[in-house]
């Protein structure tokens, strides 16, 4: 890494990865809730 450019690029990638992981976690949690609701409705 050289100077400011390299570190700012690293932060961009780090923020993107964190946002991706958080988004996937929320998505999977919502899918689990939807499946549970469907199972309850079906009996």
Protein backbone atom coordinates (compact mmCIF):
# COMPACT_ATOMS: atom_id res chain seq x y z
CA UNK A 1 0.00 0.00 0.00
CA UNK A 2 1.38 3.37 -0.98
CA UNK A 3 0.15 6.56 0.69
CA UNK A 4 -3.44 7.78 0.88
CA UNK A 5 -4.70 6.16 -2.34
CA UNK A 6 -4.00 2.63 -1.18
CA UNK A 7 -5.59 3.08 2.25
CA UNK A 8 -8.74 4.72 0.85
CA UNK A 9 -9.13 1.82 -1.59
CA UNK A 10 -8.74 -0.61 1.32
CA UNK A 11 -11.48 1.21 3.26
CA UNK A 12 -13.79 1.11 0.23
CA UNK A 13 -13.34 -2.68 -0.05
CA UNK A 14 -13.71 -3.18 3.72
CA UNK A 15 -16.94 -1.12 3.86
CA UNK A 16 -18.31 -3.01 0.84
CA UNK A 17 -17.55 -6.40 2.44
CA UNK A 18 -19.15 -5.37 5.76
CA UNK A 19 -22.27 -4.07 3.98
CA UNK A 20 -22.46 -7.31 1.94
CA UNK A 21 -22.18 -9.56 5.01
CA UNK A 22 -24.74 -7.52 6.97
CA UNK A 23 -27.11 -7.51 4.00
CA UNK A 24 -26.82 -11.28 3.56
CA UNK A 25 -27.47 -11.78 7.28
CA UNK A 26 -30.63 -9.68 7.16
CA UNK A 27 -31.79 -11.43 3.97
CA UNK A 28 -31.29 -14.91 5.45
CA UNK A 29 -33.08 -13.91 8.67
CA UNK A 30 -36.07 -12.60 6.68
CA UNK A 31 -36.19 -15.81 4.62
CA UNK A 32 -36.23 -17.91 7.82
CA UNK A 33 -39.16 -15.88 9.20
CA UNK A 34 -41.05 -16.23 5.92
CA UNK A 35 -40.56 -20.02 5.91
CA UNK A 36 -41.79 -20.27 9.51
CA UNK A 37 -44.90 -18.22 8.70
CA UNK A 38 -45.62 -20.41 5.65
CA UNK A 39 -45.27 -23.58 7.73
CA UNK A 40 -47.70 -22.21 10.36
CA UNK A 41 -50.29 -21.34 7.69
CA UNK A 42 -50.05 -24.81 6.13
CA UNK A 43 -50.48 -26.45 9.50
